N, C-alpha and C. Protein backbone atom coordinates (compact mmCIF):
# COMPACT_ATOMS: atom_id res chain seq x y z
N MET A 1 91.69 70.70 24.69
CA MET A 1 93.13 70.75 24.64
C MET A 1 93.61 69.62 23.73
N ALA A 2 94.24 69.97 22.65
CA ALA A 2 94.68 68.98 21.67
C ALA A 2 95.81 68.13 22.22
N GLY A 3 95.69 66.83 22.07
CA GLY A 3 96.73 65.91 22.48
C GLY A 3 96.76 65.62 23.97
N SER A 4 95.80 66.14 24.70
CA SER A 4 95.79 65.93 26.14
C SER A 4 95.31 64.52 26.46
N LYS A 5 95.96 63.86 27.39
CA LYS A 5 95.56 62.52 27.79
C LYS A 5 94.83 62.55 29.13
N VAL A 6 94.56 63.74 29.64
CA VAL A 6 93.87 63.88 30.90
C VAL A 6 92.38 63.65 30.66
N THR A 7 91.80 62.78 31.47
CA THR A 7 90.37 62.54 31.37
C THR A 7 89.72 62.87 32.69
N SER A 8 88.48 63.23 32.61
CA SER A 8 87.74 63.56 33.82
C SER A 8 86.80 62.41 34.13
N THR A 9 86.91 61.86 35.31
CA THR A 9 86.08 60.73 35.71
C THR A 9 85.44 61.05 37.04
N THR A 10 84.18 60.73 37.16
CA THR A 10 83.49 60.97 38.43
C THR A 10 83.86 59.88 39.42
N ALA A 11 83.61 60.16 40.70
CA ALA A 11 83.90 59.18 41.74
C ALA A 11 83.08 57.91 41.53
N ASN A 12 81.83 58.05 41.13
CA ASN A 12 80.98 56.87 40.89
C ASN A 12 81.51 56.04 39.73
N ALA A 13 82.00 56.69 38.69
CA ALA A 13 82.54 55.96 37.55
C ALA A 13 83.80 55.20 37.96
N MET A 14 84.63 55.81 38.82
CA MET A 14 85.84 55.12 39.29
C MET A 14 85.49 53.92 40.14
N ARG A 15 84.49 54.07 41.02
CA ARG A 15 84.07 52.93 41.85
C ARG A 15 83.56 51.78 40.98
N ALA A 16 82.78 52.11 39.97
CA ALA A 16 82.25 51.07 39.07
C ALA A 16 83.39 50.37 38.33
N ALA A 17 84.38 51.14 37.87
CA ALA A 17 85.51 50.54 37.16
C ALA A 17 86.30 49.63 38.10
N ARG A 18 86.45 50.05 39.35
CA ARG A 18 87.17 49.23 40.32
C ARG A 18 86.44 47.91 40.56
N LYS A 19 85.11 47.96 40.65
CA LYS A 19 84.32 46.73 40.84
C LYS A 19 84.48 45.80 39.66
N ARG A 20 84.62 46.35 38.47
CA ARG A 20 84.79 45.52 37.27
C ARG A 20 86.22 45.03 37.13
N GLY A 21 87.13 45.47 38.02
CA GLY A 21 88.51 45.04 37.94
C GLY A 21 89.34 45.88 36.99
N GLU A 22 88.88 47.08 36.69
CA GLU A 22 89.58 47.93 35.74
C GLU A 22 90.43 49.01 36.43
N SER A 23 90.68 48.84 37.69
CA SER A 23 91.46 49.83 38.42
C SER A 23 92.90 49.82 37.94
N LYS A 24 93.52 51.01 37.87
CA LYS A 24 94.92 51.09 37.44
C LYS A 24 95.87 50.70 38.56
N THR A 25 95.38 50.59 39.78
CA THR A 25 96.19 50.19 40.91
C THR A 25 95.74 48.81 41.36
N ASP A 26 96.67 47.90 41.49
CA ASP A 26 96.32 46.56 41.91
C ASP A 26 96.37 46.52 43.44
N VAL A 27 95.26 46.88 44.07
CA VAL A 27 95.18 46.98 45.52
C VAL A 27 95.48 45.64 46.18
N ALA A 28 94.99 44.57 45.63
CA ALA A 28 95.22 43.25 46.21
C ALA A 28 96.71 42.91 46.22
N LYS A 29 97.41 43.27 45.15
CA LYS A 29 98.84 42.98 45.06
C LYS A 29 99.61 43.80 46.10
N VAL A 30 99.22 45.04 46.26
CA VAL A 30 99.88 45.91 47.26
C VAL A 30 99.63 45.38 48.66
N ARG A 31 98.40 45.00 48.96
CA ARG A 31 98.07 44.49 50.29
C ARG A 31 98.72 43.15 50.57
N ALA A 32 98.96 42.35 49.54
CA ALA A 32 99.55 41.02 49.73
C ALA A 32 101.06 41.08 49.91
N ARG A 33 101.68 42.18 49.53
CA ARG A 33 103.13 42.31 49.63
C ARG A 33 103.56 42.18 51.09
N THR A 34 104.62 41.45 51.31
CA THR A 34 105.10 41.29 52.68
C THR A 34 105.78 42.58 53.13
N PRO A 35 105.60 42.93 54.39
CA PRO A 35 106.24 44.15 54.88
C PRO A 35 107.75 43.97 54.96
N TYR A 36 108.47 45.09 55.00
CA TYR A 36 109.93 45.04 55.07
C TYR A 36 110.34 44.46 56.42
N ILE A 37 111.24 43.48 56.37
CA ILE A 37 111.77 42.88 57.58
C ILE A 37 113.29 42.98 57.52
N TRP A 38 113.86 43.61 58.52
CA TRP A 38 115.30 43.81 58.57
C TRP A 38 116.00 42.49 58.80
N ASP A 39 117.05 42.22 58.01
CA ASP A 39 117.77 40.95 58.12
C ASP A 39 118.84 40.97 59.22
N GLY A 40 119.09 42.13 59.84
CA GLY A 40 120.04 42.22 60.94
C GLY A 40 121.48 42.32 60.51
N LYS A 41 121.75 42.39 59.22
CA LYS A 41 123.13 42.41 58.74
C LYS A 41 123.68 43.83 58.61
N ASN A 42 122.97 44.69 57.94
CA ASN A 42 123.45 46.04 57.68
C ASN A 42 122.73 47.02 58.62
N GLU A 43 123.48 47.61 59.53
CA GLU A 43 122.89 48.53 60.53
C GLU A 43 122.28 49.76 59.87
N ASP A 44 122.81 50.17 58.71
CA ASP A 44 122.28 51.34 58.01
C ASP A 44 120.87 51.10 57.47
N GLU A 45 120.48 49.85 57.30
CA GLU A 45 119.16 49.52 56.76
C GLU A 45 118.15 49.23 57.86
N ARG A 46 118.58 49.29 59.12
CA ARG A 46 117.68 48.99 60.23
C ARG A 46 116.60 50.07 60.33
N PRO A 47 115.35 49.68 60.39
CA PRO A 47 114.29 50.68 60.53
C PRO A 47 114.35 51.33 61.92
N LEU A 48 113.92 52.57 62.00
CA LEU A 48 113.91 53.27 63.28
C LEU A 48 112.84 52.70 64.19
N THR A 49 113.14 52.72 65.48
CA THR A 49 112.11 52.35 66.44
C THR A 49 111.19 53.54 66.62
N ARG A 50 110.05 53.32 67.21
CA ARG A 50 109.09 54.41 67.44
C ARG A 50 109.72 55.52 68.28
N GLU A 51 110.52 55.13 69.29
CA GLU A 51 111.16 56.12 70.16
C GLU A 51 112.19 56.94 69.39
N GLU A 52 112.98 56.29 68.52
CA GLU A 52 113.97 57.00 67.73
C GLU A 52 113.29 57.98 66.76
N MET A 53 112.20 57.54 66.17
CA MET A 53 111.48 58.39 65.25
C MET A 53 110.91 59.61 65.98
N GLN A 54 110.32 59.40 67.15
CA GLN A 54 109.74 60.49 67.94
C GLN A 54 110.83 61.46 68.38
N ALA A 55 112.01 60.94 68.78
CA ALA A 55 113.12 61.80 69.19
C ALA A 55 113.59 62.66 68.02
N GLY A 56 113.63 62.09 66.84
CA GLY A 56 114.02 62.85 65.66
C GLY A 56 113.04 63.96 65.33
N ILE A 57 111.75 63.66 65.48
CA ILE A 57 110.72 64.67 65.22
C ILE A 57 110.84 65.80 66.23
N GLU A 58 111.02 65.45 67.50
CA GLU A 58 111.14 66.48 68.54
C GLU A 58 112.38 67.34 68.33
N ALA A 59 113.50 66.72 67.93
CA ALA A 59 114.72 67.48 67.68
C ALA A 59 114.52 68.44 66.53
N TYR A 60 113.81 68.01 65.49
CA TYR A 60 113.53 68.88 64.34
C TYR A 60 112.66 70.05 64.77
N ARG A 61 111.65 69.80 65.55
CA ARG A 61 110.76 70.87 66.00
C ARG A 61 111.49 71.89 66.85
N LYS A 62 112.45 71.44 67.65
CA LYS A 62 113.19 72.36 68.51
C LYS A 62 114.10 73.26 67.70
N GLN A 63 114.54 72.82 66.53
CA GLN A 63 115.45 73.60 65.70
C GLN A 63 114.74 74.73 64.98
N ARG A 64 113.45 74.60 64.75
CA ARG A 64 112.73 75.56 63.94
C ARG A 64 112.36 76.81 64.74
N GLY A 65 112.37 77.93 64.06
CA GLY A 65 111.87 79.16 64.63
C GLY A 65 112.82 79.83 65.62
N ARG A 66 112.30 80.83 66.27
CA ARG A 66 113.06 81.61 67.23
C ARG A 66 113.26 80.81 68.50
N PRO A 67 114.42 80.95 69.14
CA PRO A 67 114.67 80.21 70.37
C PRO A 67 113.65 80.56 71.46
N VAL A 68 113.33 79.60 72.29
CA VAL A 68 112.39 79.81 73.39
C VAL A 68 113.00 80.83 74.35
N GLY A 69 112.19 81.76 74.81
CA GLY A 69 112.66 82.76 75.76
C GLY A 69 113.29 83.97 75.10
N SER A 70 113.29 84.03 73.78
CA SER A 70 113.86 85.16 73.08
C SER A 70 112.95 86.38 73.25
N ASP A 71 113.56 87.53 73.50
CA ASP A 71 112.75 88.73 73.67
C ASP A 71 112.80 89.61 72.43
N LYS A 72 113.05 89.00 71.28
CA LYS A 72 113.13 89.76 70.03
C LYS A 72 111.74 90.06 69.52
N GLU A 73 111.66 91.17 68.82
CA GLU A 73 110.38 91.62 68.26
C GLU A 73 110.54 91.77 66.76
N SER A 74 109.56 91.28 66.02
CA SER A 74 109.60 91.41 64.58
C SER A 74 109.15 92.81 64.20
N THR A 75 109.85 93.40 63.22
CA THR A 75 109.51 94.74 62.76
C THR A 75 109.88 94.89 61.30
N THR A 76 109.41 95.96 60.69
CA THR A 76 109.80 96.28 59.33
C THR A 76 110.57 97.58 59.37
N ILE A 77 111.74 97.59 58.76
CA ILE A 77 112.59 98.78 58.77
C ILE A 77 113.28 98.87 57.42
N ARG A 78 113.59 100.08 57.00
CA ARG A 78 114.26 100.29 55.71
C ARG A 78 115.68 100.78 55.92
N PHE A 79 116.64 100.15 55.22
CA PHE A 79 118.04 100.54 55.27
C PHE A 79 118.49 100.86 53.86
N ASP A 80 119.56 101.64 53.76
CA ASP A 80 120.15 101.91 52.45
C ASP A 80 120.70 100.60 51.89
N ARG A 81 120.66 100.49 50.56
CA ARG A 81 121.10 99.25 49.91
C ARG A 81 122.56 98.92 50.22
N ASP A 82 123.41 99.95 50.26
CA ASP A 82 124.83 99.67 50.51
C ASP A 82 125.07 99.17 51.93
N VAL A 83 124.27 99.63 52.89
CA VAL A 83 124.41 99.16 54.27
C VAL A 83 124.02 97.68 54.34
N LEU A 84 122.88 97.34 53.74
CA LEU A 84 122.45 95.94 53.73
C LEU A 84 123.45 95.06 52.98
N ALA A 85 123.95 95.55 51.87
CA ALA A 85 124.91 94.77 51.08
C ALA A 85 126.17 94.48 51.91
N ALA A 86 126.60 95.45 52.70
CA ALA A 86 127.80 95.25 53.51
C ALA A 86 127.58 94.18 54.57
N PHE A 87 126.42 94.16 55.21
CA PHE A 87 126.14 93.13 56.22
C PHE A 87 125.89 91.78 55.59
N ARG A 88 125.19 91.76 54.46
CA ARG A 88 124.89 90.49 53.80
C ARG A 88 126.11 89.86 53.16
N ALA A 89 127.12 90.66 52.86
CA ALA A 89 128.31 90.16 52.18
C ALA A 89 129.03 89.09 52.99
N ASP A 90 128.90 89.12 54.31
CA ASP A 90 129.56 88.12 55.15
C ASP A 90 128.78 86.83 55.27
N GLY A 91 127.63 86.76 54.63
CA GLY A 91 126.87 85.52 54.61
C GLY A 91 125.82 85.42 55.70
N PRO A 92 125.37 84.18 55.98
CA PRO A 92 124.31 83.97 56.96
C PRO A 92 124.67 84.55 58.32
N GLY A 93 123.64 85.03 59.01
CA GLY A 93 123.84 85.64 60.32
C GLY A 93 123.97 87.15 60.25
N TRP A 94 123.70 87.72 59.06
CA TRP A 94 123.87 89.16 58.89
C TRP A 94 122.92 89.95 59.79
N GLN A 95 121.73 89.43 60.03
CA GLN A 95 120.78 90.16 60.89
C GLN A 95 121.28 90.19 62.33
N THR A 96 121.89 89.09 62.79
CA THR A 96 122.45 89.05 64.13
C THR A 96 123.61 90.03 64.24
N ARG A 97 124.46 90.08 63.20
CA ARG A 97 125.57 91.03 63.21
C ARG A 97 125.08 92.46 63.19
N MET A 98 124.02 92.73 62.44
CA MET A 98 123.46 94.08 62.40
C MET A 98 122.90 94.45 63.78
N ASN A 99 122.25 93.52 64.43
CA ASN A 99 121.73 93.76 65.78
C ASN A 99 122.88 94.08 66.75
N ALA A 100 123.99 93.35 66.63
CA ALA A 100 125.14 93.59 67.50
C ALA A 100 125.74 94.96 67.23
N ALA A 101 125.80 95.37 65.96
CA ALA A 101 126.33 96.69 65.62
C ALA A 101 125.45 97.79 66.20
N LEU A 102 124.15 97.63 66.14
CA LEU A 102 123.24 98.62 66.73
C LEU A 102 123.38 98.65 68.25
N ARG A 103 123.57 97.49 68.85
CA ARG A 103 123.76 97.42 70.31
C ARG A 103 125.05 98.14 70.71
N ASP A 104 126.13 97.96 69.92
CA ASP A 104 127.39 98.67 70.19
C ASP A 104 127.19 100.18 70.06
N TRP A 105 126.44 100.60 69.06
CA TRP A 105 126.17 102.01 68.88
C TRP A 105 125.44 102.59 70.09
N LEU A 106 124.50 101.81 70.65
CA LEU A 106 123.76 102.28 71.82
C LEU A 106 124.64 102.47 73.04
N LYS A 107 125.77 101.76 73.12
CA LYS A 107 126.69 101.91 74.26
C LYS A 107 127.31 103.30 74.29
N THR A 108 127.50 103.90 73.12
CA THR A 108 128.14 105.22 73.05
C THR A 108 127.14 106.34 72.86
N HIS A 109 125.90 106.03 72.61
CA HIS A 109 124.86 107.03 72.41
C HIS A 109 123.71 106.73 73.36
N SER A 110 123.25 107.73 74.07
CA SER A 110 122.12 107.50 74.98
C SER A 110 120.84 107.41 74.17
N PRO A 111 120.04 106.39 74.42
CA PRO A 111 118.76 106.27 73.69
C PRO A 111 117.82 107.39 74.13
N ARG A 112 117.02 107.84 73.19
CA ARG A 112 116.05 108.90 73.52
C ARG A 112 114.93 108.32 74.35
N ASN A 113 114.49 109.09 75.28
CA ASN A 113 113.32 108.68 76.07
C ASN A 113 112.08 109.01 75.29
N VAL A 114 111.28 108.04 75.06
CA VAL A 114 110.07 108.24 74.24
C VAL A 114 108.90 108.62 75.12
């Protein structure tokens, strides 16, 4: 590849270069850096406690996916484009609105016994 600056180096060659002090990362400098210590002045810069961090993770996990106890079933179904366009036109939540419309239809029509 003309003009490419990508080089291929084996793991052994990288270890040897690191021993010679030719590493592109100054590990000693990174390790010597003092950790962040909050000065107590700006509350927005205060690091989270372990409990706050865990609570945030748990809240995020609870938001994802289908609600617990939902009796919904995933399926594949085909609708006419104009029907989908009409439901999607109102924005997010179109699948819930479509489900409600089908439920209303069932109130006036008896479902077939399979």
